[in-house]
Amino acid sequence: MSESTLRLLVAYDIADDRRRNEVAELLQRHGDRVQYSVFIVDGRPAQFVRLERQLARAIHPNEDSVLLCLLGPTRSASTKRMRFLGLRRRITGDDTALVL
């Protein structure tokens, strides 16, 4: 039985420019930037574990912060759990959105 695709919200506050760029480049390879320091990543649990390890290696644990928030299955996370105010950034795989 295959695992369903899940959606992960990743937000970060990185003190150093070099580390911040490294984290942003890493996340751009895995997901969509929806705010300056916020990404949406779709994937399977094993992919999220690898991504978390890569992020942990990229940051300084005493200076930086990364929030990982599991939003649930991709199909329900897109329409039921996320809303945008104002300009909406495109998220790969989403065809519908509620913009207020």
PDB file of N, CA and C in Angstrom:
ATOM      1  N   MET A   1       0.831  -1.168   0.000  1.00  0.00           N
ATOM      2  CA  MET A   1       0.000   0.000   0.000  1.00  0.00           C
ATOM      3  C   MET A   1       0.885   1.243   0.000  1.00  0.00           C
ATOM      4  N   SER A   2       0.607   2.196  -0.879  1.00  0.00           N
ATOM      5  CA  SER A   2       1.435   3.387  -0.944  1.00  0.00           C
ATOM      6  C   SER A   2       0.947   4.443   0.033  1.00  0.00           C
ATOM      7  N   GLU A   3       1.868   5.275   0.451  1.00  0.00           N
ATOM      8  CA  GLU A   3       1.537   6.365   1.362  1.00  0.00           C
ATOM      9  C   GLU A   3       0.943   7.507   0.557  1.00  0.00           C
ATOM     10  N   SER A   4       0.022   8.236   1.169  1.00  0.00           N
ATOM     11  CA  SER A   4      -0.544   9.378   0.469  1.00  0.00           C
ATOM     12  C   SER A   4       0.434  10.547   0.540  1.00  0.00           C
ATOM     13  N   THR A   5       0.263  11.466  -0.397  1.00  0.00           N
ATOM     14  CA  THR A   5       1.087  12.659  -0.424  1.00  0.00           C
ATOM     15  C   THR A   5       0.569  13.641   0.618  1.00  0.00           C
ATOM     16  N   LEU A   6       1.492  14.169   1.407  1.00  0.00           N
ATOM     17  CA  LEU A   6       1.149  15.093   2.480  1.00  0.00           C
ATOM     18  C   LEU A   6       1.679  16.483   2.146  1.00  0.00           C
ATOM     19  N   ARG A   7       1.138  17.464   2.844  1.00  0.00           N
ATOM     20  CA  ARG A   7       1.576  18.851   2.658  1.00  0.00           C
ATOM     21  C   ARG A   7       2.204  19.348   3.954  1.00  0.00           C
ATOM     22  N   LEU A   8       3.361  19.981   3.800  1.00  0.00           N
ATOM     23  CA  LEU A   8       4.122  20.499   4.930  1.00  0.00           C
ATOM     24  C   LEU A   8       4.344  21.992   4.733  1.00  0.00           C
ATOM     25  N   LEU A   9       4.067  22.773   5.772  1.00  0.00           N
ATOM     26  CA  LEU A   9       4.390  24.195   5.755  1.00  0.00           C
ATOM     27  C   LEU A   9       5.708  24.366   6.500  1.00  0.00           C
ATOM     28  N   VAL A  10       6.643  25.069   5.877  1.00  0.00           N
ATOM     29  CA  VAL A  10       7.949  25.316   6.489  1.00  0.00           C
ATOM     30  C   VAL A  10       8.168  26.823   6.551  1.00  0.00           C
ATOM     31  N   ALA A  11       8.405  27.337   7.746  1.00  0.00           N
ATOM     32  CA  ALA A  11       8.712  28.757   7.946  1.00  0.00           C
ATOM     33  C   ALA A  11      10.027  28.852   8.702  1.00  0.00           C
ATOM     34  N   TYR A  12      10.810  29.875   8.373  1.00  0.00           N
ATOM     35  CA  TYR A  12      12.102  29.970   9.049  1.00  0.00           C
ATOM     36  C   TYR A  12      12.448  31.405   9.395  1.00  0.00           C
ATOM     37  N   ASP A  13      13.271  31.509  10.399  1.00  0.00           N
ATOM     38  CA  ASP A  13      13.868  32.769  10.816  1.00  0.00           C
ATOM     39  C   ASP A  13      15.351  32.474  10.995  1.00  0.00           C
ATOM     40  N   ILE A  14      16.143  32.896  10.015  1.00  0.00           N
ATOM     41  CA  ILE A  14      17.572  32.568   9.979  1.00  0.00           C
ATOM     42  C   ILE A  14      18.366  33.861  10.145  1.00  0.00           C
ATOM     43  N   ALA A  15      19.259  33.890  11.115  1.00  0.00           N
ATOM     44  CA  ALA A  15      19.986  35.113  11.441  1.00  0.00           C
ATOM     45  C   ALA A  15      21.058  35.471  10.414  1.00  0.00           C
ATOM     46  N   ASP A  16      21.702  34.506   9.838  1.00  0.00           N
ATOM     47  CA  ASP A  16      22.846  34.727   8.952  1.00  0.00           C
ATOM     48  C   ASP A  16      22.419  34.651   7.482  1.00  0.00           C
ATOM     49  N   ASP A  17      22.876  35.607   6.647  1.00  0.00           N
ATOM     50  CA  ASP A  17      22.490  35.637   5.233  1.00  0.00           C
ATOM     51  C   ASP A  17      22.892  34.372   4.486  1.00  0.00           C
ATOM     52  N   ARG A  18      24.109  33.876   4.715  1.00  0.00           N
ATOM     53  CA  ARG A  18      24.570  32.678   4.001  1.00  0.00           C
ATOM     54  C   ARG A  18      23.691  31.476   4.353  1.00  0.00           C
ATOM     55  N   ARG A  19      23.423  31.281   5.640  1.00  0.00           N
ATOM     56  CA  ARG A  19      22.576  30.141   6.045  1.00  0.00           C
ATOM     57  C   ARG A  19      21.148  30.326   5.541  1.00  0.00           C
ATOM     58  N   ARG A  20      20.636  31.573   5.577  1.00  0.00           N
ATOM     59  CA  ARG A  20      19.284  31.837   5.089  1.00  0.00           C
ATOM     60  C   ARG A  20      19.179  31.494   3.604  1.00  0.00           C
ATOM     61  N   ASN A  21      20.168  31.885   2.821  1.00  0.00           N
ATOM     62  CA  ASN A  21      20.151  31.549   1.393  1.00  0.00           C
ATOM     63  C   ASN A  21      20.238  30.047   1.168  1.00  0.00           C
ATOM     64  N   GLU A  22      21.050  29.379   1.979  1.00  0.00           N
ATOM     65  CA  GLU A  22      21.179  27.924   1.852  1.00  0.00           C
ATOM     66  C   GLU A  22      19.846  27.233   2.143  1.00  0.00           C
ATOM     67  N   VAL A  23      19.164  27.688   3.199  1.00  0.00           N
ATOM     68  CA  VAL A  23      17.866  27.105   3.550  1.00  0.00           C
ATOM     69  C   VAL A  23      16.839  27.396   2.449  1.00  0.00           C
ATOM     70  N   ALA A  24      16.818  28.626   1.947  1.00  0.00           N
ATOM     71  CA  ALA A  24      15.872  28.980   0.883  1.00  0.00           C
ATOM     72  C   ALA A  24      16.118  28.142  -0.371  1.00  0.00           C
ATOM     73  N   GLU A  25      17.378  27.986  -0.768  1.00  0.00           N
ATOM     74  CA  GLU A  25      17.695  27.178  -1.954  1.00  0.00           C
ATOM     75  C   GLU A  25      17.296  25.719  -1.746  1.00  0.00           C
ATOM     76  N   LEU A  26      17.528  25.204  -0.567  1.00  0.00           N
ATOM     77  CA  LEU A  26      17.135  23.826  -0.253  1.00  0.00           C
ATOM     78  C   LEU A  26      15.619  23.668  -0.384  1.00  0.00           C
ATOM     79  N   LEU A  27      14.874  24.592   0.195  1.00  0.00           N
ATOM     80  CA  LEU A  27      13.414  24.483   0.155  1.00  0.00           C
ATOM     81  C   LEU A  27      12.860  24.714  -1.251  1.00  0.00           C
ATOM     82  N   GLN A  28      13.501  25.562  -2.038  1.00  0.00           N
ATOM     83  CA  GLN A  28      13.044  25.780  -3.413  1.00  0.00           C
ATOM     84  C   GLN A  28      13.177  24.516  -4.260  1.00  0.00           C
ATOM     85  N   ARG A  29      14.118  23.650  -3.896  1.00  0.00           N
ATOM     86  CA  ARG A  29      14.267  22.381  -4.613  1.00  0.00           C
ATOM     87  C   ARG A  29      13.151  21.394  -4.264  1.00  0.00           C
ATOM     88  N   HIS A  30      12.481  21.633  -3.130  1.00  0.00           N
ATOM     89  CA  HIS A  30      11.462  20.691  -2.654  1.00  0.00           C
ATOM     90  C   HIS A  30      10.035  21.214  -2.741  1.00  0.00           C
ATOM     91  N   GLY A  31       9.859  22.542  -2.795  1.00  0.00           N
ATOM     92  CA  GLY A  31       8.496  23.059  -2.714  1.00  0.00           C
ATOM     93  C   GLY A  31       8.335  24.428  -3.326  1.00  0.00           C
ATOM     94  N   ASP A  32       7.259  25.084  -2.919  1.00  0.00           N
ATOM     95  CA  ASP A  32       6.895  26.395  -3.462  1.00  0.00           C
ATOM     96  C   ASP A  32       7.017  27.459  -2.375  1.00  0.00           C
ATOM     97  N   ARG A  33       7.622  28.569  -2.732  1.00  0.00           N
ATOM     98  CA  ARG A  33       7.717  29.708  -1.801  1.00  0.00           C
ATOM     99  C   ARG A  33       6.381  30.445  -1.833  1.00  0.00           C
ATOM    100  N   VAL A  34       5.722  30.585  -0.684  1.00  0.00           N
ATOM    101  CA  VAL A  34       4.443  31.286  -0.621  1.00  0.00           C
ATOM    102  C   VAL A  34       4.550  32.622   0.115  1.00  0.00           C
ATOM    103  N   GLN A  35       5.602  32.797   0.888  1.00  0.00           N
ATOM    104  CA  GLN A  35       5.947  34.059   1.523  1.00  0.00           C
ATOM    105  C   GLN A  35       7.462  34.123   1.511  1.00  0.00           C
ATOM    106  N   TYR A  36       8.024  35.278   1.911  1.00  0.00           N
ATOM    107  CA  TYR A  36       9.479  35.398   1.831  1.00  0.00           C
ATOM    108  C   TYR A  36      10.196  34.269   2.570  1.00  0.00           C
ATOM    109  N   SER A  37       9.736  33.908   3.735  1.00  0.00           N
ATOM    110  CA  SER A  37      10.391  32.862   4.534  1.00  0.00           C
ATOM    111  C   SER A  37       9.458  31.690   4.818  1.00  0.00           C
ATOM    112  N   VAL A  38       8.506  31.467   3.932  1.00  0.00           N
ATOM    113  CA  VAL A  38       7.538  30.384   4.128  1.00  0.00           C
ATOM    114  C   VAL A  38       7.408  29.579   2.839  1.00  0.00           C
ATOM    115  N   PHE A  39       7.505  28.275   2.983  1.00  0.00           N
ATOM    116  CA  PHE A  39       7.399  27.367   1.840  1.00  0.00           C
ATOM    117  C   PHE A  39       6.323  26.319   2.108  1.00  0.00           C
ATOM    118  N   ILE A  40       5.735  25.828   1.027  1.00  0.00           N
ATOM    119  CA  ILE A  40       4.843  24.681   1.060  1.00  0.00           C
ATOM    120  C   ILE A  40       5.546  23.545   0.327  1.00  0.00           C
ATOM    121  N   VAL A  41       5.635  22.409   0.998  1.00  0.00           N
ATOM    122  CA  VAL A  41       6.311  21.253   0.422  1.00  0.00           C
ATOM    123  C   VAL A  41       5.335  20.082   0.427  1.00  0.00           C
ATOM    124  N   ASP A  42       5.140  19.470  -0.718  1.00  0.00           N
ATOM    125  CA  ASP A  42       4.329  18.259  -0.822  1.00  0.00           C
ATOM    126  C   ASP A  42       5.260  17.061  -0.937  1.00  0.00           C
ATOM    127  N   GLY A  43       4.913  15.992  -0.260  1.00  0.00           N
ATOM    128  CA  GLY A  43       5.764  14.810  -0.336  1.00  0.00           C
ATOM    129  C   GLY A  43       5.271  13.712   0.574  1.00  0.00           C
ATOM    130  N   ARG A  44       6.090  12.727   0.690  1.00  0.00           N
ATOM    131  CA  ARG A  44       5.786  11.577   1.541  1.00  0.00           C
ATOM    132  C   ARG A  44       6.585  11.697   2.842  1.00  0.00           C
ATOM    133  N   PRO A  45       6.145  11.011   3.892  1.00  0.00           N
ATOM    134  CA  PRO A  45       6.812  11.139   5.190  1.00  0.00           C
ATOM    135  C   PRO A  45       8.326  10.912   5.133  1.00  0.00           C
ATOM    136  N   ALA A  46       8.781   9.936   4.366  1.00  0.00           N
ATOM    137  CA  ALA A  46      10.224   9.683   4.282  1.00  0.00           C
ATOM    138  C   ALA A  46      10.958  10.880   3.673  1.00  0.00           C
ATOM    139  N   GLN A  47      10.332  11.550   2.705  1.00  0.00           N
ATOM    140  CA  GLN A  47      10.946  12.749   2.115  1.00  0.00           C
ATOM    141  C   GLN A  47      11.036  13.868   3.143  1.00  0.00           C
ATOM    142  N   PHE A  48      10.015  13.981   3.976  1.00  0.00           N
ATOM    143  CA  PHE A  48      10.034  15.020   5.008  1.00  0.00           C
ATOM    144  C   PHE A  48      11.134  14.762   6.042  1.00  0.00           C
ATOM    145  N   VAL A  49      11.360  13.494   6.352  1.00  0.00           N
ATOM    146  CA  VAL A  49      12.433  13.155   7.299  1.00  0.00           C
ATOM    147  C   VAL A  49      13.780  13.579   6.724  1.00  0.00           C
ATOM    148  N   ARG A  50      14.000  13.284   5.434  1.00  0.00           N
ATOM    149  CA  ARG A  50      15.270  13.684   4.795  1.00  0.00           C
ATOM    150  C   ARG A  50      15.405  15.200   4.755  1.00  0.00           C
ATOM    151  N   LEU A  51      14.305  15.882   4.416  1.00  0.00           N
ATOM    152  CA  LEU A  51      14.339  17.342   4.361  1.00  0.00           C
ATOM    153  C   LEU A  51      14.645  17.921   5.744  1.00  0.00           C
ATOM    154  N   GLU A  52      14.038  17.373   6.771  1.00  0.00           N
ATOM    155  CA  GLU A  52      14.292  17.871   8.126  1.00  0.00           C
ATOM    156  C   GLU A  52      15.756  17.698   8.507  1.00  0.00           C
ATOM    157  N   ARG A  53      16.347  16.589   8.137  1.00  0.00           N
ATOM    158  CA  ARG A  53      17.776  16.363   8.427  1.00  0.00           C
ATOM    159  C   ARG A  53      18.634  17.387   7.683  1.00  0.00           C
ATOM    160  N   GLN A  54      18.302  17.658   6.428  1.00  0.00           N
ATOM    161  CA  GLN A  54      19.068  18.634   5.643  1.00  0.00           C
ATOM    162  C   GLN A  54      18.940  20.027   6.256  1.00  0.00           C
ATOM    163  N   LEU A  55      17.736  20.380   6.684  1.00  0.00           N
ATOM    164  CA  LEU A  55      17.527  21.683   7.310  1.00  0.00           C
ATOM    165  C   LEU A  55      18.304  21.784   8.621  1.00  0.00           C
ATOM    166  N   ALA A  56      18.292  20.714   9.404  1.00  0.00           N
ATOM    167  CA  ALA A  56      19.011  20.723  10.683  1.00  0.00           C
ATOM    168  C   ALA A  56      20.505  20.935  10.471  1.00  0.00           C
ATOM    169  N   ARG A  57      21.032  20.382   9.385  1.00  0.00           N
ATOM    170  CA  ARG A  57      22.458  20.566   9.087  1.00  0.00           C
ATOM    171  C   ARG A  57      22.757  21.980   8.596  1.00  0.00           C
ATOM    172  N   ALA A  58      21.778  22.633   7.981  1.00  0.00           N
ATOM    173  CA  ALA A  58      21.999  23.957   7.383  1.00  0.00           C
ATOM    174  C   ALA A  58      21.907  25.100   8.383  1.00  0.00           C
ATOM    175  N   ILE A  59      21.233  24.895   9.490  1.00  0.00           N
ATOM    176  CA  ILE A  59      21.005  26.000  10.427  1.00  0.00           C
ATOM    177  C   ILE A  59      21.974  25.936  11.606  1.00  0.00           C
ATOM    178  N   HIS A  60      22.023  27.042  12.329  1.00  0.00           N
ATOM    179  CA  HIS A  60      22.745  27.076  13.595  1.00  0.00           C
ATOM    180  C   HIS A  60      21.670  26.947  14.686  1.00  0.00           C
ATOM    181  N   PRO A  61      21.688  25.869  15.468  1.00  0.00           N
ATOM    182  CA  PRO A  61      20.586  25.605  16.398  1.00  0.00           C
ATOM    183  C   PRO A  61      20.410  26.644  17.504  1.00  0.00           C
ATOM    184  N   ASN A  62      21.443  27.415  17.792  1.00  0.00           N
ATOM    185  CA  ASN A  62      21.326  28.429  18.850  1.00  0.00           C
ATOM    186  C   ASN A  62      20.956  29.811  18.321  1.00  0.00           C
ATOM    187  N   GLU A  63      20.934  29.969  16.995  1.00  0.00           N
ATOM    188  CA  GLU A  63      20.640  31.278  16.412  1.00  0.00           C
ATOM    189  C   GLU A  63      19.440  31.274  15.474  1.00  0.00           C
ATOM    190  N   ASP A  64      19.112  30.146  14.907  1.00  0.00           N
ATOM    191  CA  ASP A  64      18.089  30.064  13.857  1.00  0.00           C
ATOM    192  C   ASP A  64      16.884  29.256  14.332  1.00  0.00           C
ATOM    193  N   SER A  65      15.766  29.442  13.617  1.00  0.00           N
ATOM    194  CA  SER A  65      14.549  28.701  13.940  1.00  0.00           C
ATOM    195  C   SER A  65      13.854  28.274  12.648  1.00  0.00           C
ATOM    196  N   VAL A  66      13.408  27.034  12.614  1.00  0.00           N
ATOM    197  CA  VAL A  66      12.637  26.522  11.480  1.00  0.00           C
ATOM    198  C   VAL A  66      11.381  25.865  12.040  1.00  0.00           C
ATOM    199  N   LEU A  67      10.225  26.281  11.540  1.00  0.00           N
ATOM    200  CA  LEU A  67       8.947  25.700  11.941  1.00  0.00           C
ATOM    201  C   LEU A  67       8.497  24.735  10.852  1.00  0.00           C
ATOM    202  N   LEU A  68       8.190  23.502  11.229  1.00  0.00           N
ATOM    203  CA  LEU A  68       7.669  22.497  10.298  1.00  0.00           C
ATOM    204  C   LEU A  68       6.257  22.162  10.765  1.00  0.00           C
ATOM    205  N   CYS A  69       5.266  22.411   9.931  1.00  0.00           N
ATOM    206  CA  CYS A  69       3.876  22.202  10.316  1.00  0.00           C
ATOM    207  C   CYS A  69       3.205  21.286   9.297  1.00  0.00           C
ATOM    208  N   LEU A  70       2.886  20.077   9.714  1.00  0.00           N
ATOM    209  CA  LEU A  70       2.236  19.122   8.822  1.00  0.00           C
ATOM    210  C   LEU A  70       0.771  19.507   8.650  1.00  0.00           C
ATOM    211  N   LEU A  71       0.362  19.768   7.410  1.00  0.00           N
ATOM    212  CA  LEU A  71      -1.001  20.215   7.117  1.00  0.00           C
ATOM    213  C   LEU A  71      -1.940  19.083   6.735  1.00  0.00           C
ATOM    214  N   GLY A  72      -1.401  17.877   6.577  1.00  0.00           N
ATOM    215  CA  GLY A  72      -2.246  16.732   6.250  1.00  0.00           C
ATOM    216  C   GLY A  72      -2.163  16.350   4.788  1.00  0.00           C
ATOM    217  N   PRO A  73      -3.088  15.482   4.343  1.00  0.00           N
ATOM    218  CA  PRO A  73      -3.079  15.038   2.945  1.00  0.00           C
ATOM    219  C   PRO A  73      -3.200  16.222   1.987  1.00  0.00           C
ATOM    220  N   THR A  74      -2.483  16.170   0.905  1.00  0.00           N
ATOM    221  CA  THR A  74      -2.421  17.271  -0.058  1.00  0.00           C
ATOM    222  C   THR A  74      -3.797  17.687  -0.544  1.00  0.00           C
ATOM    223  N   ARG A  75      -4.648  16.727  -0.869  1.00  0.00           N
ATOM    224  CA  ARG A  75      -5.940  17.070  -1.463  1.00  0.00           C
ATOM    225  C   ARG A  75      -6.839  17.843  -0.501  1.00  0.00           C
ATOM    226  N   SER A  76      -6.762  17.578   0.781  1.00  0.00           N
ATOM    227  CA  SER A  76      -7.593  18.325   1.714  1.00  0.00           C
ATOM    228  C   SER A  76      -6.892  19.567   2.238  1.00  0.00           C
ATOM    229  N   ALA A  77      -5.559  19.561   2.294  1.00  0.00           N
ATOM    230  CA  ALA A  77      -4.818  20.710   2.801  1.00  0.00           C
ATOM    231  C   ALA A  77      -4.957  21.917   1.895  1.00  0.00           C
ATOM    232  N   SER A  78      -5.125  21.681   0.607  1.00  0.00           N
ATOM    233  CA  SER A  78      -5.136  22.804  -0.325  1.00  0.00           C
ATOM    234  C   SER A  78      -6.403  23.635  -0.219  1.00  0.00           C
ATOM    235  N   THR A  79      -7.527  23.016   0.000  1.00  0.00           N
ATOM    236  CA  THR A  79      -8.772  23.772  -0.037  1.00  0.00           C
ATOM    237  C   THR A  79      -9.385  24.016   1.330  1.00  0.00           C
ATOM    238  N   LYS A  80      -9.041  23.229   2.304  1.00  0.00           N
ATOM    239  CA  LYS A  80      -9.707  23.333   3.599  1.00  0.00           C
ATOM    240  C   LYS A  80      -8.857  24.006   4.667  1.00  0.00           C
ATOM    241  N   ARG A  81      -7.564  23.992   4.510  1.00  0.00           N
ATOM    242  CA  ARG A  81      -6.717  24.467   5.604  1.00  0.00           C
ATOM    243  C   ARG A  81      -5.923  25.716   5.276  1.00  0.00           C
ATOM    244  N   MET A  82      -5.946  26.154   4.035  1.00  0.00           N
ATOM    245  CA  MET A  82      -5.141  27.314   3.671  1.00  0.00           C
ATOM    246  C   MET A  82      -6.007  28.359   2.989  1.00  0.00           C
ATOM    247  N   ARG A  83      -5.851  29.583   3.422  1.00  0.00           N
ATOM    248  CA  ARG A  83      -6.482  30.709   2.767  1.00  0.00           C
ATOM    249  C   ARG A  83      -5.464  31.825   2.694  1.00  0.00           C
ATOM    250  N   PHE A  84      -5.584  32.609   1.685  1.00  0.00           N
ATOM    251  CA  PHE A  84      -4.688  33.745   1.514  1.00  0.00           C
ATOM    252  C   PHE A  84      -5.491  35.035   1.602  1.00  0.00           C
ATOM    253  N   LEU A  85      -4.887  36.048   2.130  1.00  0.00           N
ATOM    254  CA  LEU A  85      -5.425  37.394   2.070  1.00  0.00           C
ATOM    255  C   LEU A  85      -4.532  38.164   1.102  1.00  0.00           C
ATOM    256  N   GLY A  86      -5.133  38.829   0.151  1.00  0.00           N
ATOM    257  CA  GLY A  86      -4.336  39.568  -0.826  1.00  0.00           C
ATOM    258  C   GLY A  86      -3.756  38.644  -1.873  1.00  0.00           C
ATOM    259  N   LEU A  87      -2.553  38.973  -2.298  1.00  0.00           N
ATOM    260  CA  LEU A  87      -1.900  38.230  -3.377  1.00  0.00           C
ATOM    261  C   LEU A  87      -1.658  36.784  -2.970  1.00  0.00           C
ATOM    262  N   ARG A  88      -2.075  35.899  -3.840  1.00  0.00           N
ATOM    263  CA  ARG A  88      -1.897  34.476  -3.575  1.00  0.00           C
ATOM    264  C   ARG A  88      -0.773  33.948  -4.431  1.00  0.00           C
ATOM    265  N   ARG A  89       0.163  33.243  -3.804  1.00  0.00           N
ATOM    266  CA  ARG A  89       1.255  32.593  -4.534  1.00  0.00           C
ATOM    267  C   ARG A  89       0.779  31.231  -5.008  1.00  0.00           C
ATOM    268  N   ARG A  90       1.212  30.878  -6.198  1.00  0.00           N
ATOM    269  CA  ARG A  90       0.830  29.587  -6.765  1.00  0.00           C
ATOM    270  C   ARG A  90       1.531  28.461  -6.027  1.00  0.00           C
ATOM    271  N   ILE A  91       0.789  27.412  -5.727  1.00  0.00           N
ATOM    272  CA  ILE A  91       1.326  26.212  -5.107  1.00  0.00           C
ATOM    273  C   ILE A  91       1.166  25.079  -6.102  1.00  0.00           C
ATOM    274  N   THR A  92       2.247  24.411  -6.409  1.00  0.00           N
ATOM    275  CA  THR A  92       2.229  23.325  -7.367  1.00  0.00           C
ATOM    276  C   THR A  92       1.169  22.292  -6.991  1.00  0.00           C
ATOM    277  N   GLY A  93       0.331  21.946  -7.948  1.00  0.00           N
ATOM    278  CA  GLY A  93      -0.680  20.927  -7.715  1.00  0.00           C
ATOM    279  C   GLY A  93      -2.013  21.475  -7.270  1.00  0.00           C
ATOM    280  N   ASP A  94      -2.050  22.739  -6.899  1.00  0.00           N
ATOM    281  CA  ASP A  94      -3.317  23.338  -6.491  1.00  0.00           C
ATOM    282  C   ASP A  94      -3.974  24.012  -7.675  1.00  0.00           C
ATOM    283  N   ASP A  95      -5.225  23.683  -7.871  1.00  0.00           N
ATOM    284  CA  ASP A  95      -5.976  24.329  -8.936  1.00  0.00           C
ATOM    285  C   ASP A  95      -7.039  25.250  -8.393  1.00  0.00           C
ATOM    286  N   THR A  96      -7.379  25.057  -7.132  1.00  0.00           N
ATOM    287  CA  THR A  96      -8.425  25.881  -6.542  1.00  0.00           C
ATOM    288  C   THR A  96      -7.876  26.585  -5.315  1.00  0.00           C
ATOM    289  N   ALA A  97      -8.386  27.761  -5.067  1.00  0.00           N
ATOM    290  CA  ALA A  97      -7.982  28.506  -3.886  1.00  0.00           C
ATOM    291  C   ALA A  97      -9.065  29.503  -3.545  1.00  0.00           C
ATOM    292  N   LEU A  98      -9.143  29.825  -2.299  1.00  0.00           N
ATOM    293  CA  LEU A  98     -10.062  30.850  -1.839  1.00  0.00           C
ATOM    294  C   LEU A  98      -9.231  32.080  -1.509  1.00  0.00           C
ATOM    295  N   VAL A  99      -9.487  33.160  -2.194  1.00  0.00           N
ATOM    296  CA  VAL A  99      -8.753  34.397  -1.962  1.00  0.00           C
ATOM    297  C   VAL A  99      -9.716  35.407  -1.382  1.00  0.00           C
ATOM    298  N   LEU A 100      -9.404  35.931  -0.226  1.00  0.00           N
ATOM    299  CA  LEU A 100     -10.261  36.913   0.442  1.00  0.00           C
ATOM    300  C   LEU A 100      -9.696  38.298   0.247  1.00  0.00           C
TER     301      LEU A 100
END
